[in-house]
Structure formats: structure tokens, C-alpha cells
Amino acid sequence: MDHQPSNTKAAFWMAGWLLAMLLMAIAGREATRALDVFQIMEMRSLIGLLMLYPLIHLAGGFAALKTSRPWQHVVRNVAHYGAQFAWFLALTLIPLAQVISIEFTMPIWTAILAVAFLGERMGLWKNLAVVLGVVGVVVIVRPGANEIVPGQLIALAAAVGFAISVTMVKSLTRTDSVVVILFWMLVIQSAIGLVPALAVWRWPSAPIWGWILVIAFLGTYSHYCLTRAMLHADATIVVPMDFLRVPLAALAGWLIYNERLDTFTVLGAALILSGNLLNLKGAGGRKP
């Protein structure tokens, strides 16, 4: 398997992640109208295991899924499960734009954790990418004098949890394959959520089944894309690319729901894109 450093390949896989996360946010909002978050997450993990089987087969079957770092997988997935639960819950409490925008504090926590625990270096370009990305998000959201509501705090907790998860994924890619990381994610999170899901179980209607299948597929293969991106670039390079999800969400809202693209959104998107381009340009030693 090709694990050579390549910002181009990392950007390609992050494009898959961005598309999957945008679609999953829509599916998550629709599914939570009818089902409890615990049930949605359990169905996502169990169905995701079935959907992952083709990759398991190609990797050599279940015998090839052994890991020498089981406890790192457990800790990573406890953090990710909590973050995912908070993210789905926030979708039911505050507007989608707020959930996504608050989630974009994640690169700040990820950068700090990657420097502290993975030995990565920030440098001028990476710092500029994070700063421009955060400023771009603030320009788009334009936070006013509104009080912080519980949904916003929950979304912030999700961002911190995702940052822990992303940092640990980068560490795990040093010893485990993408399929191994995904397999243990689904197994561990299925075990964590089984009892809570059974306590709130309701049989989904046919339309909700459709949204659940979308969540299961994208929830599994979005992580495949993210983990593949991590194989080709540092976390502090990969994660700022995710800032593009904010202007992409604004564009989707304009195309699908006829939501107006105002000057602030365009300006914020320009800042975010500039930060990402500077980040990729400044990764001096890592050639495509």
C-alpha cells in the first residue's frame, strides 16, 4: 500500500471526506426527527460493519485485523463515540450552520494535540492556515450578542472530542492499516452503544431506513477517506482542509434550498481557501 507523503493525495481523500460529511449532516438531521441519537449511532455501526466487509475481504479477511494497540483503539473510540453523539444531538438543538461552524474549532485543538503528542511542528504557514480558517468561519457566522445556548456548548464538546479522535487516528496509522482502524471503530462503538440503543429502540419507517443507510455508508467510508488522507500528510496539514466544509455547506444551501450567498459568506470562504492554499504551499519538505 502506498503511504508516501503527498499533499495532492491527502487533498483528494479529504475531498471525499468533505462530501461525505456534508451529506451525512443532512441525513442526520432527517433521521433524528424520528429516532433517538443512541439508536441512530448503533444502527450506523452495525450496518457499517456489513458495508465494510468488502474492504475486510480485500485486506485478507478477519485474520488480518489484529492490532497490537487495542487500548489505543478503545480510548480513541470512546472519545469519538462521545463526539459523534454530541454532534448528532447538537443537530437537533441548533441550526445546521451553527453546528458545522462551531465544529470548526476542532483544528485548533487538533493542532495543539498533534504538536503535544505526535511531535508535529506548526510553523508559520500552518499557523496562518488555522488563523485564516478561524477568521473565515467567524466572518461567515458573524456571532452577535446572542446568549450561548446548550446546543452550542454541546457542539463545542463534539469539536474537542473529534480533535482527540483525529490525533489518535494519526498515531494509529503508524502501526495499523486503514481497514483495521475502521473495523475496530465499528466494533468498539457497537459495544459501547448497544444497551442505550436497546433502551430507546423504535422500528424505523421506510424513509428513515433510507437515511440510516446513508448515515451508515458515509459514516464508515468518510473515515476511510480521512484515514487515507492521514497516511499522506500530517494532521496539521490535513485538518485545515476541512475548513472548506463551511463554504461548501453555504453553496449547497444556495443551490438546494435557494439560500442567499451574501458578501460575508463569500469573504469568509475566500479567507478559508487562502489559508488552505498557504498551508499546502508552505509544506516545504513534503512533495506530491
Protein backbone atom coordinates (compact mmCIF):
# COMPACT_ATOMS: atom_id res chain seq x y z
CA MET A 1 0.00 0.00 0.00
CA ASP A 2 1.30 3.47 -0.94
CA HIS A 3 1.98 5.51 2.19
CA GLN A 4 4.34 8.05 0.61
CA PRO A 5 3.93 11.68 1.73
CA SER A 6 1.80 13.54 -0.80
CA ASN A 7 -0.27 16.66 -0.23
CA THR A 8 -2.06 16.03 -3.53
CA LYS A 9 -3.24 12.58 -2.44
CA ALA A 10 -4.19 13.91 1.00
CA ALA A 11 -6.29 16.62 -0.64
CA PHE A 12 -8.01 14.03 -2.86
CA TRP A 13 -9.03 11.89 0.11
CA MET A 14 -10.12 14.95 2.07
CA ALA A 15 -12.44 15.87 -0.81
CA GLY A 16 -14.18 12.53 -0.26
CA TRP A 17 -14.40 13.26 3.46
CA LEU A 18 -15.91 16.71 2.84
CA LEU A 19 -18.63 15.39 0.53
CA ALA A 20 -19.48 12.53 2.87
CA MET A 21 -19.73 14.78 5.94
CA LEU A 22 -21.96 17.30 4.18
CA LEU A 23 -24.38 14.57 3.06
CA MET A 24 -24.28 12.88 6.47
CA ALA A 25 -25.22 16.12 8.21
CA ILE A 26 -28.38 16.31 6.09
CA ALA A 27 -29.17 12.63 6.67
CA GLY A 28 -28.53 13.00 10.40
CA ARG A 29 -30.90 15.93 10.68
CA GLU A 30 -33.65 13.95 8.92
CA ALA A 31 -33.11 10.74 10.93
CA THR A 32 -33.14 12.49 14.31
CA ARG A 33 -36.63 13.75 13.55
CA ALA A 34 -37.90 10.20 14.20
CA LEU A 35 -35.25 8.24 16.13
CA ASP A 36 -33.14 8.68 19.25
CA VAL A 37 -29.46 9.51 18.71
CA PHE A 38 -28.34 6.34 20.54
CA GLN A 39 -30.33 4.17 18.13
CA ILE A 40 -29.06 6.02 15.06
CA MET A 41 -25.46 5.58 16.16
CA GLU A 42 -25.90 1.88 16.94
CA MET A 43 -27.53 1.17 13.59
CA ARG A 44 -24.78 3.16 11.89
CA SER A 45 -22.08 1.00 13.49
CA LEU A 46 -23.76 -2.37 12.92
CA ILE A 47 -24.74 -1.68 9.32
CA GLY A 48 -21.34 -0.09 8.76
CA LEU A 49 -19.67 -3.38 9.71
CA LEU A 50 -21.56 -5.12 6.92
CA MET A 51 -20.66 -2.36 4.47
CA LEU A 52 -17.00 -2.59 5.46
CA TYR A 53 -16.77 -6.30 4.63
CA PRO A 54 -15.59 -5.81 1.00
CA LEU A 55 -12.56 -3.92 2.30
CA ILE A 56 -12.02 -6.53 5.03
CA HIS A 57 -12.05 -9.26 2.37
CA LEU A 58 -9.57 -7.37 0.19
CA ALA A 59 -7.30 -6.83 3.21
CA GLY A 60 -7.03 -10.58 3.83
CA GLY A 61 -10.09 -11.34 5.93
CA PHE A 62 -10.67 -11.07 9.66
CA ALA A 63 -7.31 -12.71 10.43
CA ALA A 64 -5.61 -9.56 9.09
CA LEU A 65 -7.45 -7.28 11.52
CA LYS A 66 -5.34 -7.97 14.60
CA THR A 67 -3.86 -4.96 16.34
CA SER A 68 -1.00 -4.53 18.76
CA ARG A 69 -2.61 -1.40 20.25
CA PRO A 70 -6.08 -2.43 21.46
CA TRP A 71 -6.26 0.11 24.28
CA GLN A 72 -5.40 2.99 21.98
CA HIS A 73 -8.32 1.92 19.80
CA VAL A 74 -10.60 1.81 22.84
CA VAL A 75 -9.61 5.28 24.06
CA ARG A 76 -9.86 6.74 20.57
CA ASN A 77 -13.34 5.32 20.05
CA VAL A 78 -14.65 6.36 23.44
CA ALA A 79 -13.65 9.91 22.50
CA HIS A 80 -15.10 9.57 19.01
CA TYR A 81 -18.35 8.00 20.22
CA GLY A 82 -18.88 10.84 22.67
CA ALA A 83 -18.09 13.42 19.99
CA GLN A 84 -20.39 11.77 17.45
CA PHE A 85 -23.22 11.60 19.98
CA ALA A 86 -22.75 15.29 20.81
CA TRP A 87 -22.69 16.16 17.10
CA PHE A 88 -25.95 14.34 16.33
CA LEU A 89 -27.55 15.81 19.46
CA ALA A 90 -26.46 19.33 18.51
CA LEU A 91 -28.15 18.85 15.11
CA THR A 92 -31.46 18.59 16.96
CA LEU A 93 -30.88 21.69 19.10
CA ILE A 94 -29.32 24.41 16.91
CA PRO A 95 -29.22 25.26 13.19
CA LEU A 96 -27.01 23.13 10.95
CA ALA A 97 -24.82 26.11 10.06
CA GLN A 98 -24.07 26.69 13.74
CA VAL A 99 -23.19 23.03 14.33
CA ILE A 100 -20.75 22.97 11.42
CA SER A 101 -19.26 26.37 12.25
CA ILE A 102 -18.66 25.58 15.94
CA GLU A 103 -17.24 22.21 14.91
CA PHE A 104 -14.51 24.13 13.12
CA THR A 105 -12.81 24.97 16.37
CA MET A 106 -11.59 21.36 16.00
CA PRO A 107 -8.42 22.24 14.01
CA ILE A 108 -7.27 24.45 16.89
CA TRP A 109 -7.49 21.55 19.36
CA THR A 110 -6.07 19.12 16.80
CA ALA A 111 -3.05 21.30 16.10
CA ILE A 112 -2.32 21.64 19.82
CA LEU A 113 -2.70 17.90 20.41
CA ALA A 114 -0.62 16.97 17.33
CA VAL A 115 2.22 19.20 18.49
CA ALA A 116 1.99 17.95 22.09
CA PHE A 117 1.63 14.21 21.44
CA LEU A 118 2.73 13.45 17.87
CA GLY A 119 5.80 15.67 17.68
CA GLU A 120 4.46 17.62 14.70
CA ARG A 121 5.57 21.20 14.14
CA MET A 122 3.27 24.10 13.41
CA GLY A 123 5.44 26.71 11.71
CA LEU A 124 4.36 29.97 10.06
CA TRP A 125 2.25 28.53 7.24
CA LYS A 126 0.29 26.10 9.39
CA ASN A 127 -0.38 28.83 11.95
CA LEU A 128 -1.60 31.14 9.19
CA ALA A 129 -3.87 28.39 7.83
CA VAL A 130 -5.52 27.91 11.22
CA VAL A 131 -5.85 31.65 11.86
CA LEU A 132 -7.31 32.41 8.42
CA GLY A 133 -9.65 29.44 8.70
CA VAL A 134 -10.99 30.52 12.07
CA VAL A 135 -11.34 34.14 10.93
CA GLY A 136 -13.17 32.95 7.82
CA VAL A 137 -15.63 30.94 9.89
CA VAL A 138 -16.23 33.92 12.20
CA VAL A 139 -16.85 36.17 9.19
CA ILE A 140 -19.42 33.73 7.81
CA VAL A 141 -21.19 33.13 11.12
CA ARG A 142 -20.89 36.73 12.39
CA PRO A 143 -21.57 35.91 16.04
CA GLY A 144 -23.57 38.67 17.67
CA ALA A 145 -24.69 39.35 21.19
CA ASN A 146 -26.87 36.25 21.41
CA GLU A 147 -26.53 34.11 24.53
CA ILE A 148 -24.70 30.82 24.24
CA VAL A 149 -27.30 28.04 24.27
CA PRO A 150 -26.74 24.43 25.42
CA GLY A 151 -26.65 23.19 21.82
CA GLN A 152 -23.67 25.42 21.11
CA LEU A 153 -21.77 24.07 24.13
CA ILE A 154 -22.59 20.52 23.04
CA ALA A 155 -21.28 21.27 19.54
CA LEU A 156 -18.08 22.65 21.10
CA ALA A 157 -17.67 19.47 23.16
CA ALA A 158 -18.06 17.48 19.94
CA ALA A 159 -15.26 19.52 18.35
CA VAL A 160 -12.88 18.75 21.21
CA GLY A 161 -13.79 15.04 21.08
CA PHE A 162 -13.24 14.91 17.32
CA ALA A 163 -9.84 16.57 17.77
CA ILE A 164 -8.78 13.87 20.24
CA SER A 165 -10.04 11.20 17.83
CA VAL A 166 -8.26 12.68 14.79
CA THR A 167 -4.98 12.98 16.69
CA MET A 168 -5.17 9.37 17.83
CA VAL A 169 -6.03 8.21 14.28
CA LYS A 170 -2.83 9.85 13.04
CA SER A 171 -0.90 7.96 15.73
CA LEU A 172 -2.62 4.66 14.90
CA THR A 173 -1.79 4.95 11.19
CA ARG A 174 1.84 4.44 12.15
CA THR A 175 1.16 0.79 13.00
CA ASP A 176 -2.34 -0.16 11.78
CA SER A 177 -3.93 -0.14 8.33
CA VAL A 178 -6.96 1.95 7.45
CA VAL A 179 -9.23 -1.12 7.44
CA VAL A 180 -8.00 -2.21 10.88
CA ILE A 181 -8.72 1.24 12.31
CA LEU A 182 -12.22 1.30 10.77
CA PHE A 183 -13.03 -2.25 11.86
CA TRP A 184 -12.17 -1.62 15.50
CA MET A 185 -14.01 1.70 15.41
CA LEU A 186 -17.24 -0.02 14.38
CA VAL A 187 -16.82 -2.97 16.76
CA ILE A 188 -15.98 -0.87 19.81
CA GLN A 189 -18.68 1.72 19.16
CA SER A 190 -21.26 -1.02 18.58
CA ALA A 191 -20.39 -2.42 22.01
CA ILE A 192 -20.49 0.99 23.69
CA GLY A 193 -23.91 1.89 22.33
CA LEU A 194 -25.77 -1.43 22.42
CA VAL A 195 -27.53 -1.10 25.79
CA PRO A 196 -28.51 2.59 25.40
CA ALA A 197 -29.83 1.87 21.89
CA LEU A 198 -31.97 -1.06 23.05
CA ALA A 199 -33.45 1.14 25.80
CA VAL A 200 -34.81 3.65 23.27
CA TRP A 201 -35.39 1.36 20.27
CA ARG A 202 -38.15 2.18 17.80
CA TRP A 203 -38.63 0.42 14.47
CA PRO A 204 -37.79 2.92 11.69
CA SER A 205 -40.19 3.73 8.89
CA ALA A 206 -39.12 3.09 5.30
CA PRO A 207 -37.94 6.68 4.63
CA ILE A 208 -35.95 6.73 7.87
CA TRP A 209 -34.32 3.41 6.89
CA GLY A 210 -33.06 5.22 3.79
CA TRP A 211 -31.46 7.97 5.86
CA ILE A 212 -29.95 5.38 8.24
CA LEU A 213 -28.34 3.55 5.31
CA VAL A 214 -26.90 6.84 4.06
CA ILE A 215 -25.50 7.58 7.54
CA ALA A 216 -24.05 4.08 7.87
CA PHE A 217 -22.35 4.16 4.49
CA LEU A 218 -21.00 7.69 4.75
CA GLY A 219 -20.12 7.30 8.43
CA THR A 220 -17.95 4.31 7.54
CA TYR A 221 -16.35 5.44 4.30
CA SER A 222 -15.89 9.07 5.34
CA HIS A 223 -13.48 7.73 7.95
CA TYR A 224 -11.79 5.65 5.27
CA CYS A 225 -11.17 8.87 3.34
CA LEU A 226 -9.95 10.74 6.42
CA THR A 227 -7.61 7.94 7.49
CA ARG A 228 -6.20 7.63 3.97
CA ALA A 229 -5.55 11.38 4.00
CA MET A 230 -3.70 10.99 7.30
CA LEU A 231 -1.40 8.42 5.68
CA HIS A 232 -0.14 11.01 3.21
CA ALA A 233 0.18 14.18 5.33
CA ASP A 234 0.48 15.48 8.88
CA ALA A 235 -2.69 16.10 10.85
CA THR A 236 -1.87 19.82 10.94
CA ILE A 237 -1.96 19.84 7.11
CA VAL A 238 -4.97 17.56 6.63
CA VAL A 239 -7.36 19.06 9.17
CA PRO A 240 -7.30 22.71 7.96
CA MET A 241 -8.52 21.43 4.58
CA ASP A 242 -11.75 20.58 6.39
CA PHE A 243 -12.46 24.31 6.76
CA LEU A 244 -13.75 24.12 3.19
CA ARG A 245 -16.84 22.36 4.53
CA VAL A 246 -18.25 25.72 5.71
CA PRO A 247 -18.32 27.48 2.31
CA LEU A 248 -19.36 24.20 0.67
CA ALA A 249 -22.31 23.99 3.06
CA ALA A 250 -23.23 27.58 2.19
CA LEU A 251 -23.01 26.73 -1.52
CA ALA A 252 -25.19 23.64 -1.05
CA GLY A 253 -27.75 25.73 0.79
CA TRP A 254 -27.82 28.19 -2.09
CA LEU A 255 -28.15 25.51 -4.77
CA ILE A 256 -30.58 23.17 -2.98
CA TYR A 257 -32.59 25.47 -0.70
CA ASN A 258 -32.20 28.78 -2.52
CA GLU A 259 -30.46 30.33 0.48
CA ARG A 260 -28.78 33.62 -0.41
CA LEU A 261 -24.97 33.77 -0.61
CA ASP A 262 -24.12 37.14 0.96
CA THR A 263 -20.89 39.13 0.85
CA PHE A 264 -19.77 37.87 4.25
CA THR A 265 -20.08 34.25 3.15
CA VAL A 266 -18.03 34.90 0.02
CA LEU A 267 -15.37 36.78 2.02
CA GLY A 268 -15.19 34.05 4.66
CA ALA A 269 -14.88 31.36 2.00
CA ALA A 270 -12.04 33.31 0.37
CA LEU A 271 -10.17 33.52 3.69
CA ILE A 272 -10.63 29.81 4.33
CA LEU A 273 -9.43 28.85 0.84
CA SER A 274 -6.45 31.20 1.14
CA GLY A 275 -5.46 29.59 4.41
CA ASN A 276 -5.58 26.13 2.91
CA LEU A 277 -3.53 27.17 -0.12
CA LEU A 278 -0.89 28.79 2.10
CA ASN A 279 -0.82 25.66 4.26
CA LEU A 280 -0.18 23.38 1.29
CA LYS A 281 2.34 25.77 -0.26
CA GLY A 282 4.30 26.02 2.97
CA ALA A 283 4.72 22.26 3.50
CA GLY A 284 8.22 22.56 2.13
CA GLY A 285 9.67 19.09 2.57
CA ARG A 286 6.58 17.07 1.71
CA LYS A 287 6.44 16.73 -2.07
CA PRO A 288 3.49 15.32 -4.05
